[in-house]
Amino acid sequence: MSTSQTAPTRKRPVNLTLNDDLVQQAKVLSGNLSATVEELLTEYVTRERNARQERRQAAEASCREWNAVLDAMGGSFADDHSTL
């Protein structure tokens, strides 16, 4: 969902340290540098959240598959040799 489709949120000034030449080039290309950066940051956050969720789901699937293998084998090899 883009920021233009959500309810207005509180905005606040932030300090960033950026390459001066890059900022100047971006200002020429963008009519509103703050809005452009906010849009790009929104895309980044969405992409990273999705990637983390995919990794978490892959790890959970791996655990389920490994547990199914252990169940099919009647447990772990180490279970027969535990000193506990």
Protein backbone atom coordinates (compact mmCIF):
# COMPACT_ATOMS: atom_id res chain seq x y z
CA MET A 1 0.00 0.00 0.00
CA SER A 2 1.48 3.33 -0.91
CA THR A 3 1.60 6.26 1.47
CA SER A 4 -0.85 8.19 -0.73
CA GLN A 5 -3.55 5.59 0.06
CA THR A 6 -3.16 5.73 3.83
CA ALA A 7 -4.41 8.26 6.33
CA PRO A 8 -2.06 11.20 6.87
CA THR A 9 0.58 10.41 9.43
CA ARG A 10 2.63 12.63 11.64
CA LYS A 11 5.74 13.89 9.92
CA ARG A 12 8.93 15.00 11.60
CA PRO A 13 12.22 16.40 10.44
CA VAL A 14 15.20 14.06 10.51
CA ASN A 15 18.89 14.62 10.00
CA LEU A 16 20.65 12.50 7.41
CA THR A 17 24.21 12.55 6.21
CA LEU A 18 24.15 12.10 2.44
CA ASN A 19 26.49 12.63 -0.46
CA ASP A 20 26.08 16.30 -1.40
CA ASP A 21 26.43 15.71 -5.15
CA LEU A 22 23.84 12.95 -5.04
CA VAL A 23 21.41 15.19 -3.14
CA GLN A 24 21.86 17.97 -5.69
CA GLN A 25 21.21 15.57 -8.57
CA ALA A 26 18.12 14.19 -6.83
CA LYS A 27 16.76 17.70 -6.23
CA VAL A 28 16.99 18.39 -9.97
CA LEU A 29 15.09 15.18 -10.75
CA SER A 30 12.50 15.41 -7.98
CA GLY A 31 9.97 18.13 -7.42
CA ASN A 32 9.72 17.10 -3.77
CA LEU A 33 12.82 15.41 -2.40
CA SER A 34 11.20 14.56 0.93
CA ALA A 35 8.28 12.82 -0.76
CA THR A 36 10.65 10.94 -3.07
CA VAL A 37 12.79 9.74 -0.17
CA GLU A 38 9.70 8.76 1.82
CA GLU A 39 8.35 6.75 -1.13
CA LEU A 40 11.68 4.98 -1.62
CA LEU A 41 11.99 4.29 2.10
CA THR A 42 8.46 2.87 2.16
CA GLU A 43 9.36 0.52 -0.70
CA TYR A 44 12.55 -0.54 1.10
CA VAL A 45 10.74 -1.27 4.37
CA THR A 46 8.05 -3.28 2.56
CA ARG A 47 10.65 -5.26 0.60
CA GLU A 48 12.71 -6.02 3.72
CA ARG A 49 9.66 -7.05 5.76
CA ASN A 50 8.57 -9.39 2.97
CA ALA A 51 12.07 -10.88 2.67
CA ARG A 52 12.24 -11.49 6.43
CA GLN A 53 8.81 -13.10 6.41
CA GLU A 54 9.85 -15.36 3.51
CA ARG A 55 13.03 -16.41 5.37
CA ARG A 56 11.02 -17.10 8.53
CA GLN A 57 8.50 -19.19 6.57
CA ALA A 58 11.32 -21.11 4.87
CA ALA A 59 12.93 -21.83 8.24
CA GLU A 60 9.61 -22.99 9.69
CA ALA A 61 9.04 -25.26 6.66
CA SER A 62 12.53 -26.72 7.10
CA CYS A 63 11.81 -27.44 10.76
CA ARG A 64 8.54 -29.15 9.88
CA GLU A 65 10.25 -31.25 7.21
CA TRP A 66 13.10 -32.22 9.52
CA ASN A 67 10.66 -33.14 12.29
CA ALA A 68 8.74 -35.31 9.80
CA VAL A 69 11.98 -37.12 8.90
CA LEU A 70 12.78 -37.68 12.57
CA ASP A 71 9.25 -38.96 13.22
CA ALA A 72 9.52 -41.36 10.26
CA MET A 73 12.86 -42.65 11.58
CA GLY A 74 11.49 -43.11 15.09
CA GLY A 75 13.58 -40.30 16.52
CA SER A 76 17.12 -39.05 16.37
CA PHE A 77 20.23 -41.23 16.31
CA ALA A 78 21.37 -39.32 19.38
CA ASP A 79 18.26 -40.38 21.31
CA ASP A 80 19.67 -43.93 21.52
CA HIS A 81 22.97 -42.67 22.92
CA SER A 82 21.95 -40.00 25.38
CA THR A 83 23.73 -39.97 28.71
CA LEU A 84 20.85 -38.17 30.39
